[in-house]
Protein backbone atom coordinates (compact mmCIF):
# COMPACT_ATOMS: atom_id res chain seq x y z
CA UNK A 1 71.78 -24.92 -1.48
CA UNK A 2 70.76 -28.47 -2.32
CA UNK A 3 70.10 -29.76 -5.78
CA UNK A 4 67.29 -32.32 -5.75
CA UNK A 5 67.77 -35.41 -7.85
CA UNK A 6 65.68 -35.24 -10.98
CA UNK A 7 63.22 -38.14 -11.01
CA UNK A 8 61.72 -37.49 -14.46
CA UNK A 9 62.65 -39.21 -17.63
CA UNK A 10 64.77 -36.13 -18.64
CA UNK A 11 67.24 -37.34 -15.93
CA UNK A 12 68.54 -39.85 -18.42
CA UNK A 13 68.57 -37.59 -21.41
CA UNK A 14 72.23 -38.44 -21.93
CA UNK A 15 71.47 -42.14 -22.48
CA UNK A 16 68.46 -41.25 -24.59
CA UNK A 17 70.56 -39.04 -26.86
CA UNK A 18 73.28 -41.68 -27.10
CA UNK A 19 70.88 -44.41 -28.00
CA UNK A 20 69.39 -42.08 -30.72
CA UNK A 21 72.84 -41.53 -32.23
CA UNK A 22 73.53 -45.33 -32.14
CA UNK A 23 70.38 -46.04 -34.00
CA UNK A 24 71.23 -43.45 -36.70
CA UNK A 25 74.77 -44.74 -36.93
CA UNK A 26 73.56 -48.27 -37.39
CA UNK A 27 71.17 -47.08 -40.09
CA UNK A 28 73.95 -45.24 -42.03
CA UNK A 29 76.40 -48.17 -41.83
CA UNK A 30 73.68 -50.66 -42.87
CA UNK A 31 72.88 -48.43 -45.82
CA UNK A 32 76.61 -48.29 -46.83
CA UNK A 33 76.91 -52.05 -46.58
CA UNK A 34 73.94 -52.61 -48.88
CA UNK A 35 74.27 -49.59 -51.30
CA UNK A 36 77.82 -48.43 -50.97
CA UNK A 37 79.13 -45.22 -49.30
CA UNK A 38 76.43 -42.79 -50.31
CA UNK A 39 74.28 -40.21 -48.42
CA UNK A 40 71.23 -42.15 -47.13
CA UNK A 41 69.28 -39.14 -46.23
CA UNK A 42 69.28 -37.92 -49.80
CA UNK A 43 66.74 -40.58 -50.67
CA UNK A 44 63.26 -39.54 -49.60
CA UNK A 45 62.19 -43.00 -48.68
CA UNK A 46 65.14 -43.66 -46.37
CA UNK A 47 65.15 -40.12 -45.00
CA UNK A 48 61.46 -40.48 -43.99
CA UNK A 49 62.19 -43.79 -42.30
CA UNK A 50 65.20 -42.45 -40.41
CA UNK A 51 62.95 -39.66 -39.05
CA UNK A 52 60.32 -42.06 -38.00
CA UNK A 53 62.90 -44.16 -36.27
CA UNK A 54 63.83 -41.15 -34.09
CA UNK A 55 60.22 -40.64 -33.08
CA UNK A 56 59.66 -44.38 -32.34
CA UNK A 57 62.92 -44.57 -30.38
CA UNK A 58 61.85 -41.59 -28.25
CA UNK A 59 58.37 -43.12 -27.80
CA UNK A 60 59.71 -46.48 -26.68
CA UNK A 61 62.15 -44.87 -24.30
CA UNK A 62 59.43 -42.75 -22.73
CA UNK A 63 56.68 -45.25 -22.38
CA UNK A 64 58.98 -48.30 -21.70
CA UNK A 65 61.06 -46.33 -19.12
CA UNK A 66 64.08 -47.90 -20.86
CA UNK A 67 66.67 -46.21 -18.70
CA UNK A 68 65.00 -46.43 -15.34
CA UNK A 69 67.72 -47.54 -12.88
CA UNK A 70 70.26 -47.80 -15.67
CA UNK A 71 73.24 -47.06 -13.29
CA UNK A 72 72.18 -49.93 -10.97
CA UNK A 73 72.06 -52.48 -13.80
CA UNK A 74 74.76 -55.21 -14.23
CA UNK A 75 76.23 -56.21 -17.56
CA UNK A 76 73.75 -59.16 -18.24
CA UNK A 77 70.73 -57.18 -17.11
CA UNK A 78 71.95 -54.28 -19.36
CA UNK A 79 72.25 -56.65 -22.41
CA UNK A 80 68.73 -58.00 -21.79
CA UNK A 81 67.31 -54.38 -21.57
CA UNK A 82 69.15 -53.34 -24.62
CA UNK A 83 67.94 -56.26 -26.68
CA UNK A 84 64.32 -55.52 -25.53
CA UNK A 85 64.64 -51.75 -26.37
CA UNK A 86 66.19 -52.35 -29.86
CA UNK A 87 63.79 -55.21 -30.74
CA UNK A 88 60.77 -53.14 -29.87
CA UNK A 89 62.03 -50.14 -31.80
CA UNK A 90 62.75 -52.23 -34.94
CA UNK A 91 59.25 -54.14 -34.64
CA UNK A 92 57.53 -50.77 -34.46
CA UNK A 93 59.46 -49.42 -37.55
CA UNK A 94 58.54 -52.67 -39.35
CA UNK A 95 54.87 -52.05 -38.45
CA UNK A 96 55.05 -48.52 -39.69
CA UNK A 97 56.49 -49.71 -43.09
CA UNK A 98 53.65 -52.27 -43.40
CA UNK A 99 50.93 -49.84 -42.53
CA UNK A 100 52.33 -47.11 -44.83
CA UNK A 101 52.94 -49.85 -47.56
CA UNK A 102 56.53 -48.97 -48.15
CA UNK A 103 57.90 -52.30 -46.88
CA UNK A 104 58.25 -53.62 -50.43
CA UNK A 105 60.43 -50.59 -51.46
CA UNK A 106 62.65 -50.55 -48.38
CA UNK A 107 65.50 -53.06 -48.33
CA UNK A 108 64.99 -55.81 -45.71
CA UNK A 109 68.80 -56.34 -45.55
CA UNK A 110 69.22 -52.64 -44.40
CA UNK A 111 66.69 -53.14 -41.64
CA UNK A 112 68.26 -56.35 -40.50
CA UNK A 113 71.72 -54.97 -40.45
CA UNK A 114 70.44 -51.90 -38.68
CA UNK A 115 68.86 -53.99 -35.96
CA UNK A 116 72.09 -56.10 -35.37
CA UNK A 117 74.28 -53.04 -35.32
CA UNK A 118 71.86 -51.08 -33.11
CA UNK A 119 72.05 -53.64 -30.39
CA UNK A 120 75.81 -53.87 -30.58
CA UNK A 121 76.40 -50.07 -30.65
CA UNK A 122 73.70 -49.24 -27.97
CA UNK A 123 75.01 -51.86 -25.50
CA UNK A 124 78.68 -50.63 -25.89
CA UNK A 125 77.76 -47.03 -25.59
CA UNK A 126 75.70 -47.59 -22.48
CA UNK A 127 78.46 -49.46 -20.78
CA UNK A 128 80.98 -46.73 -21.72
CA UNK A 129 78.69 -43.83 -20.56
CA UNK A 130 77.99 -45.67 -17.20
CA UNK A 131 81.70 -46.15 -16.59
CA UNK A 132 82.34 -42.51 -17.46
CA UNK A 133 79.52 -41.22 -15.20
CA UNK A 134 80.62 -43.39 -12.27
CA UNK A 135 84.30 -42.47 -12.59
CA UNK A 136 83.44 -38.87 -12.89
CA UNK A 137 81.36 -39.06 -9.66
CA UNK A 138 84.32 -40.61 -7.90
CA UNK A 139 86.38 -37.40 -8.46
CA UNK A 140 86.64 -35.45 -5.24
CA UNK A 141 85.57 -32.20 -6.84
CA UNK A 142 82.18 -33.75 -7.90
CA UNK A 143 81.34 -35.27 -4.38
CA UNK A 144 79.39 -33.87 -1.56
CA UNK A 145 80.89 -34.25 1.90
CA UNK A 146 78.31 -36.19 4.16
CA UNK A 147 78.62 -36.60 7.92
CA UNK A 148 76.61 -39.57 9.20
CA UNK A 149 75.05 -39.06 12.63
CA UNK A 150 73.88 -42.45 14.01
CA UNK A 151 74.40 -44.85 16.97
CA UNK A 152 77.10 -47.50 17.47
CA UNK A 153 74.76 -50.42 16.72
CA UNK A 154 73.68 -48.94 13.36
CA UNK A 155 76.89 -47.31 12.12
CA UNK A 156 78.28 -50.31 10.12
CA UNK A 157 75.01 -51.04 8.26
CA UNK A 158 74.52 -47.32 7.43
CA UNK A 159 78.00 -47.00 6.00
CA UNK A 160 77.53 -50.17 3.92
CA UNK A 161 74.13 -49.02 2.54
CA UNK A 162 75.55 -45.57 1.51
CA UNK A 163 78.56 -47.15 -0.11
CA UNK A 164 76.39 -49.71 -1.99
CA UNK A 165 73.75 -47.19 -3.29
CA UNK A 166 75.28 -43.74 -3.57
CA UNK A 167 77.48 -44.48 -6.70
CA UNK A 168 80.33 -42.22 -5.49
CA UNK A 169 78.08 -39.14 -4.88
CA UNK A 170 79.43 -38.64 -1.45
CA UNK A 171 82.75 -38.21 0.23
CA UNK A 172 82.13 -39.56 3.74
CA UNK A 173 83.50 -36.98 6.11
CA UNK A 174 83.02 -39.22 9.20
CA UNK A 175 80.69 -40.68 11.74
CA UNK A 176 79.17 -38.97 14.74
CA UNK A 177 77.87 -41.33 17.40
CA UNK A 178 74.82 -40.09 19.39
CA UNK A 179 75.48 -42.70 22.17
CA UNK A 180 79.18 -42.07 22.61
CA UNK A 181 80.95 -38.96 23.91
CA UNK A 182 84.49 -40.01 22.87
CA UNK A 183 86.06 -40.49 19.52
CA UNK A 184 87.12 -43.98 18.43
CA UNK A 185 89.28 -45.11 15.62
CA UNK A 186 86.85 -45.99 12.66
CA UNK A 187 83.92 -48.03 11.55
CA UNK A 188 84.19 -49.82 8.11
CA UNK A 189 87.13 -47.49 7.30
CA UNK A 190 85.21 -44.31 8.19
CA UNK A 191 86.61 -42.38 11.13
CA UNK A 192 84.47 -41.64 14.12
CA UNK A 193 84.93 -37.88 14.31
CA UNK A 194 82.53 -36.78 17.06
CA UNK A 195 80.12 -37.60 19.83
CA UNK A 196 76.85 -35.99 20.59
CA UNK A 197 78.45 -33.14 22.43
CA UNK A 198 80.86 -32.03 19.69
CA UNK A 199 78.92 -32.67 16.49
CA UNK A 200 78.26 -29.03 15.77
CA UNK A 201 81.92 -28.07 16.64
CA UNK A 202 83.15 -30.54 14.03
CA UNK A 203 80.73 -29.39 11.36
CA UNK A 204 81.76 -25.78 12.11
CA UNK A 205 85.45 -26.46 11.52
CA UNK A 206 85.43 -28.99 8.75
CA UNK A 207 84.17 -29.71 5.23
CA UNK A 208 80.62 -30.86 5.61
CA UNK A 209 78.01 -30.18 2.89
CA UNK A 210 75.22 -32.49 4.30
CA UNK A 211 74.36 -34.20 7.52
CA UNK A 212 72.44 -37.54 7.65
CA UNK A 213 70.61 -38.38 10.83
CA UNK A 214 70.20 -42.09 10.86
CA UNK A 215 69.16 -42.92 14.47
CA UNK A 216 66.64 -45.23 15.85
CA UNK A 217 63.12 -44.05 16.66
CA UNK A 218 63.69 -44.47 20.25
CA UNK A 219 66.47 -41.95 20.37
CA UNK A 220 65.57 -38.30 20.28
CA UNK A 221 67.73 -35.90 18.22
CA UNK A 222 68.36 -32.62 20.26
CA UNK A 223 66.56 -29.80 18.51
CA UNK A 224 69.50 -27.62 19.17
CA UNK A 225 71.75 -29.70 16.90
CA UNK A 226 69.26 -29.49 14.13
CA UNK A 227 68.79 -25.72 14.51
CA UNK A 228 72.59 -25.18 14.59
CA UNK A 229 72.95 -27.28 11.39
CA UNK A 230 70.24 -25.18 9.69
CA UNK A 231 71.91 -22.00 10.93
CA UNK A 232 75.20 -22.96 9.30
CA UNK A 233 73.47 -23.67 5.98
CA UNK A 234 74.10 -27.39 6.02
CA UNK A 235 71.68 -29.76 4.20
CA UNK A 236 69.86 -31.99 6.62
CA UNK A 237 68.63 -35.47 5.82
CA UNK A 238 66.34 -37.22 8.40
CA UNK A 239 65.81 -40.99 8.20
CA UNK A 240 62.11 -41.74 8.33
CA UNK A 241 61.08 -44.62 10.43
CA UNK A 242 59.55 -47.19 8.06
CA UNK A 243 57.03 -49.82 9.22
CA UNK A 244 57.73 -53.38 8.20
CA UNK A 245 54.02 -54.10 8.55
CA UNK A 246 53.45 -51.75 5.54
CA UNK A 247 55.36 -53.94 3.22
CA UNK A 248 58.20 -52.94 0.84
CA UNK A 249 56.32 -50.36 -1.19
CA UNK A 250 56.78 -47.23 0.80
CA UNK A 251 57.31 -43.65 -0.44
CA UNK A 252 57.53 -40.28 1.13
CA UNK A 253 55.22 -37.63 -0.24
CA UNK A 254 53.09 -34.67 0.84
CA UNK A 255 49.40 -34.90 1.70
CA UNK A 256 47.53 -31.56 2.14
CA UNK A 257 50.80 -30.03 3.30
CA UNK A 258 51.86 -32.88 5.65
CA UNK A 259 54.90 -35.01 4.93
CA UNK A 260 53.71 -38.57 4.97
CA UNK A 261 54.97 -42.12 4.50
CA UNK A 262 52.67 -43.82 1.96
CA UNK A 263 52.40 -47.53 1.31
CA UNK A 264 50.42 -49.62 -1.21
CA UNK A 265 50.41 -53.14 -2.52
CA UNK A 266 51.90 -51.71 -5.77
CA UNK A 267 53.24 -48.25 -6.43
CA UNK A 268 53.26 -47.12 -10.06
CA UNK A 269 54.28 -43.95 -11.96
CA UNK A 270 51.97 -41.46 -13.57
CA UNK A 271 53.42 -42.43 -16.87
CA UNK A 272 52.57 -46.17 -16.42
CA UNK A 273 48.92 -45.23 -15.56
CA UNK A 274 48.74 -42.86 -18.47
CA UNK A 275 49.75 -45.66 -20.87
CA UNK A 276 47.37 -48.13 -19.21
CA UNK A 277 44.48 -45.76 -19.54
CA UNK A 278 45.53 -45.09 -23.19
CA UNK A 279 45.44 -48.77 -23.93
CA UNK A 280 41.95 -48.94 -22.35
CA UNK A 281 40.64 -46.08 -24.40
CA UNK A 282 42.03 -47.60 -27.60
CA UNK A 283 40.71 -51.00 -26.68
CA UNK A 284 37.41 -49.57 -25.59
CA UNK A 285 36.87 -47.89 -28.81
CA UNK A 286 37.61 -50.92 -30.97
CA UNK A 287 35.58 -53.08 -28.65
CA UNK A 288 32.58 -50.89 -28.77
CA UNK A 289 32.69 -51.09 -32.61
CA UNK A 290 32.75 -54.91 -32.51
CA UNK A 291 30.00 -54.78 -29.91
CA UNK A 292 27.85 -52.82 -32.28
CA UNK A 293 28.41 -55.25 -35.04
CA UNK A 294 27.72 -58.30 -32.68
CA UNK A 295 24.43 -56.59 -31.44
CA UNK A 296 23.01 -56.59 -35.00
CA UNK A 297 22.97 -60.42 -34.90
CA UNK A 298 22.74 -61.16 -31.04
CA UNK A 299 19.89 -58.89 -30.12
CA UNK A 300 17.29 -60.41 -32.34
CA UNK A 301 18.62 -63.93 -31.56
CA UNK A 302 18.40 -63.26 -27.78
CA UNK A 303 14.84 -61.76 -28.00
CA UNK A 304 13.54 -64.62 -30.04
CA UNK A 305 14.77 -67.27 -27.58
CA UNK A 306 13.84 -65.31 -24.41
CA UNK A 307 11.48 -62.26 -24.59
CA UNK A 308 12.92 -59.25 -22.78
CA UNK A 309 15.82 -56.87 -22.92
CA UNK A 310 18.83 -58.11 -24.94
CA UNK A 311 21.23 -56.33 -22.57
CA UNK A 312 21.84 -57.12 -18.87
CA UNK A 313 23.03 -54.62 -16.29
CA UNK A 314 23.93 -55.28 -12.71
CA UNK A 315 25.62 -53.36 -9.86
CA UNK A 316 29.18 -54.62 -9.17
CA UNK A 317 31.81 -53.57 -6.79
CA UNK A 318 34.75 -51.82 -8.47
CA UNK A 319 38.13 -50.44 -7.38
CA UNK A 320 38.30 -50.48 -3.42
CA UNK A 321 34.65 -51.00 -3.14
CA UNK A 322 33.23 -48.33 -5.44
CA UNK A 323 29.96 -49.61 -6.98
CA UNK A 324 29.20 -49.27 -10.73
CA UNK A 325 26.81 -50.73 -13.20
CA UNK A 326 28.22 -53.40 -15.50
CA UNK A 327 26.73 -54.31 -18.89
CA UNK A 328 26.60 -57.66 -20.71
CA UNK A 329 24.59 -59.23 -23.55
CA UNK A 330 21.92 -61.23 -21.65
CA UNK A 331 22.75 -65.01 -21.78
CA UNK A 332 20.31 -66.02 -19.08
CA UNK A 333 16.41 -66.16 -18.73
CA UNK A 334 14.79 -63.21 -17.12
CA UNK A 335 14.33 -65.03 -13.77
CA UNK A 336 18.00 -66.08 -13.44
CA UNK A 337 18.64 -64.01 -10.29
CA UNK A 338 15.66 -65.45 -8.47
CA UNK A 339 16.59 -69.02 -9.42
CA UNK A 340 20.22 -68.49 -8.24
CA UNK A 341 19.20 -68.99 -4.58
CA UNK A 342 17.65 -72.38 -5.36
CA UNK A 343 20.87 -73.43 -7.24
CA UNK A 344 23.47 -72.35 -4.59
CA UNK A 345 23.76 -75.99 -3.25
CA UNK A 346 25.14 -76.93 -6.72
CA UNK A 347 27.74 -74.12 -6.66
CA UNK A 348 31.26 -75.43 -7.67
CA UNK A 349 33.10 -72.67 -5.88
CA UNK A 350 33.77 -73.38 -2.23
CA UNK A 351 32.21 -71.14 0.45
CA UNK A 352 29.92 -69.57 -2.07
CA UNK A 353 32.19 -66.60 -2.61
CA UNK A 354 31.43 -66.96 -6.33
CA UNK A 355 28.82 -68.68 -8.34
CA UNK A 356 29.92 -71.32 -10.92
CA UNK A 357 28.02 -74.46 -11.85
CA UNK A 358 28.09 -77.03 -14.69
CA UNK A 359 25.06 -77.01 -17.08
CA UNK A 360 23.48 -73.98 -15.43
CA UNK A 361 19.76 -74.32 -16.38
CA UNK A 362 19.35 -70.43 -16.27
CA UNK A 363 21.38 -70.10 -19.41
CA UNK A 364 19.29 -69.53 -22.57
CA UNK A 365 19.43 -72.66 -24.60
CA UNK A 366 21.33 -72.25 -27.86
CA UNK A 367 22.26 -68.59 -28.14
CA UNK A 368 23.09 -68.20 -24.45
CA UNK A 369 25.52 -71.13 -24.39
CA UNK A 370 27.11 -69.81 -27.64
CA UNK A 371 27.68 -66.28 -26.46
CA UNK A 372 29.04 -67.45 -23.08
CA UNK A 373 31.33 -70.04 -24.68
CA UNK A 374 32.74 -67.44 -27.08
CA UNK A 375 32.68 -64.77 -24.33
CA UNK A 376 30.60 -62.46 -26.55
CA UNK A 377 28.35 -61.75 -23.61
CA UNK A 378 31.25 -59.63 -22.15
CA UNK A 379 31.51 -57.37 -25.13
CA UNK A 380 29.28 -54.56 -23.74
CA UNK A 381 31.74 -54.11 -21.04
CA UNK A 382 33.92 -52.34 -23.54
CA UNK A 383 31.55 -49.45 -22.75
CA UNK A 384 32.44 -49.76 -19.11
CA UNK A 385 36.15 -49.66 -20.07
CA UNK A 386 35.64 -46.56 -22.15
CA UNK A 387 33.84 -44.84 -19.31
CA UNK A 388 36.72 -45.67 -16.86
CA UNK A 389 34.79 -48.03 -14.58
CA UNK A 390 36.87 -51.02 -15.79
CA UNK A 391 40.17 -51.75 -17.55
CA UNK A 392 41.05 -54.25 -20.27
CA UNK A 393 43.02 -56.20 -17.66
CA UNK A 394 42.30 -56.25 -14.00
CA UNK A 395 40.32 -58.41 -11.52
CA UNK A 396 36.73 -59.81 -11.76
CA UNK A 397 34.25 -57.36 -10.14
CA UNK A 398 32.16 -59.14 -7.44
CA UNK A 399 28.48 -58.93 -7.11
CA UNK A 400 26.95 -57.13 -4.17
CA UNK A 401 26.15 -60.46 -2.32
CA UNK A 402 29.60 -61.76 -2.97
CA UNK A 403 31.11 -58.52 -1.69
CA UNK A 404 29.18 -58.81 1.67
CA UNK A 405 30.86 -62.22 2.29
CA UNK A 406 34.41 -60.96 1.88
CA UNK A 407 36.94 -61.27 4.56
CA UNK A 408 39.59 -58.75 5.05
CA UNK A 409 42.24 -60.25 2.83
CA UNK A 410 39.74 -60.77 0.03
CA UNK A 411 39.41 -57.04 -0.37
CA UNK A 412 42.90 -56.73 -1.55
CA UNK A 413 41.93 -58.07 -4.99
CA UNK A 414 39.90 -54.87 -5.49
CA UNK A 415 42.96 -52.65 -5.08
CA UNK A 416 42.94 -52.12 -8.80
CA UNK A 417 40.23 -51.39 -11.56
CA UNK A 418 38.15 -54.55 -12.37
CA UNK A 419 39.08 -55.86 -15.86
CA UNK A 420 37.41 -57.43 -18.74
CA UNK A 421 40.10 -60.17 -18.34
CA UNK A 422 42.73 -60.94 -15.72
CA UNK A 423 45.23 -63.37 -14.34
CA UNK A 424 42.82 -66.04 -13.02
CA UNK A 425 40.85 -66.04 -16.31
CA UNK A 426 43.87 -67.06 -18.30
CA UNK A 427 44.94 -69.55 -15.58
CA UNK A 428 42.12 -71.94 -15.69
CA UNK A 429 38.97 -69.59 -16.02
CA UNK A 430 36.00 -71.68 -14.99
CA UNK A 431 38.12 -74.65 -14.02
CA UNK A 432 39.21 -72.92 -10.77
CA UNK A 433 36.82 -73.80 -7.94
CA UNK A 434 38.72 -72.46 -4.96
CA UNK A 435 38.15 -68.75 -4.37
CA UNK A 436 41.30 -68.39 -2.35
CA UNK A 437 43.24 -69.48 -5.43
CA UNK A 438 41.41 -66.71 -7.32
CA UNK A 439 42.46 -64.19 -4.60
CA UNK A 440 45.92 -65.39 -4.78
CA UNK A 441 46.17 -65.00 -8.58
CA UNK A 442 44.58 -61.53 -8.43
CA UNK A 443 46.76 -60.48 -5.64
CA UNK A 444 49.89 -61.63 -7.55
CA UNK A 445 48.66 -59.73 -10.67
CA UNK A 446 48.42 -56.46 -8.66
CA UNK A 447 51.75 -56.80 -6.87
CA UNK A 448 53.63 -57.82 -10.07
CA UNK A 449 51.75 -55.51 -12.38
CA UNK A 450 53.42 -54.01 -15.48
CA UNK A 451 52.31 -52.98 -18.95
CA UNK A 452 54.23 -56.01 -20.21
CA UNK A 453 52.08 -58.33 -17.98
CA UNK A 454 48.90 -56.63 -19.32
CA UNK A 455 49.89 -57.38 -22.86
CA UNK A 456 50.75 -61.02 -22.09
CA UNK A 457 47.42 -61.55 -20.33
CA UNK A 458 45.52 -59.99 -23.31
CA UNK A 459 47.37 -62.26 -25.70
CA UNK A 460 46.60 -65.32 -23.48
CA UNK A 461 42.95 -64.27 -23.26
CA UNK A 462 42.58 -64.32 -27.16
CA UNK A 463 44.09 -67.85 -27.20
CA UNK A 464 41.85 -68.97 -24.44
CA UNK A 465 38.80 -67.76 -26.20
CA UNK A 466 39.87 -69.31 -29.57
CA UNK A 467 40.41 -72.65 -27.88
CA UNK A 468 36.78 -72.40 -26.65
CA UNK A 469 37.61 -72.63 -22.88
CA UNK A 470 35.35 -69.71 -22.16
CA UNK A 471 33.21 -69.12 -19.22
CA UNK A 472 30.49 -71.70 -18.35
């Protein structure tokens, strides 16, 4: 029987509980420092805040994936992660106090001391718990005996990789070489216990829980060896041949019953996508409210300056080439699309992959320039975000004629939902005239994507708009 490693957030429930206890201990000691040794939970105000702290701490742990890869982190990285976790928790607690209007009644000194003690306690407890878990795994009784089946040329690197990444989970029983019939001394301190002909005999007579077949794709593993291992109830691990051309992001999963090796420019967890979509819905709702308010003033102004509909819609290409209809406040005259062909010679963007020009004559004088400068023309796209066609942060969706000019590597920028704002918009916006630079920035955004990066781009977008460096 083989126990599969738990990949969910529950896997690190021990660290989560430990962190929760550290927060409560920091809260109690801070209360004692400020008010003397009394029971803090007897006071309704402090009891309620303590309970809210627990929920906030769990929420941050879940959505921020605070303990992902915790056993692999070094001391400095752990200190940084601890500081981020504790700071975010305390900031959210502070926000709760502000919104519930209890900040003036709650001691600021207690909150400050709680924050400082929380960082210290949490960091020390994490280090102690990691040492305990690693030491425990190194005890022979907790290990699983693993036989490595490989070839002479690969044996050294396989042993080094297992020692580096298994954190003491395995007792390395030995090495069996598929290209050698005789036993040799050892490789990296691990004895060579069998050749291809006596692998089964060794497993039959010795302590072996699991067998790891790590052989090159060119060498066939005899089916009889695999069948015999299965007959003995030994757990079998087969190394999958990865393709370097697919990049680093490769995972094994099941597709319609077939085990497959999947690759993508960026692989994310369902939890991360849930949070990103939740941010989009929240932002879309707020944005639609502001769009409605803006429409009260902009719709009459647009119609007075340029008779016709106040809203503009156009088919754009979305994620991976999926067409959708985008919405904007109309900032151009009604014949803008027809006049675009005449103005292509004045396009500032090389190769005509996008259209940007200074003093575009198609823009409605006065109101058109104002709403483009302030980016108010983009506000109706909050409806696209709410519908799921777009995201708050993503890549600029191309028009149909732009899409038809795309080369192969240009399509990579559409591997994510198009966004109201994005990396290139906050890195120069209309000042960027090289489309390849746009592609590079968008590709970097996708490959480096994180929720933290989205928040940073949203913040920078607000700063860009306030500075008046909006679209031309």
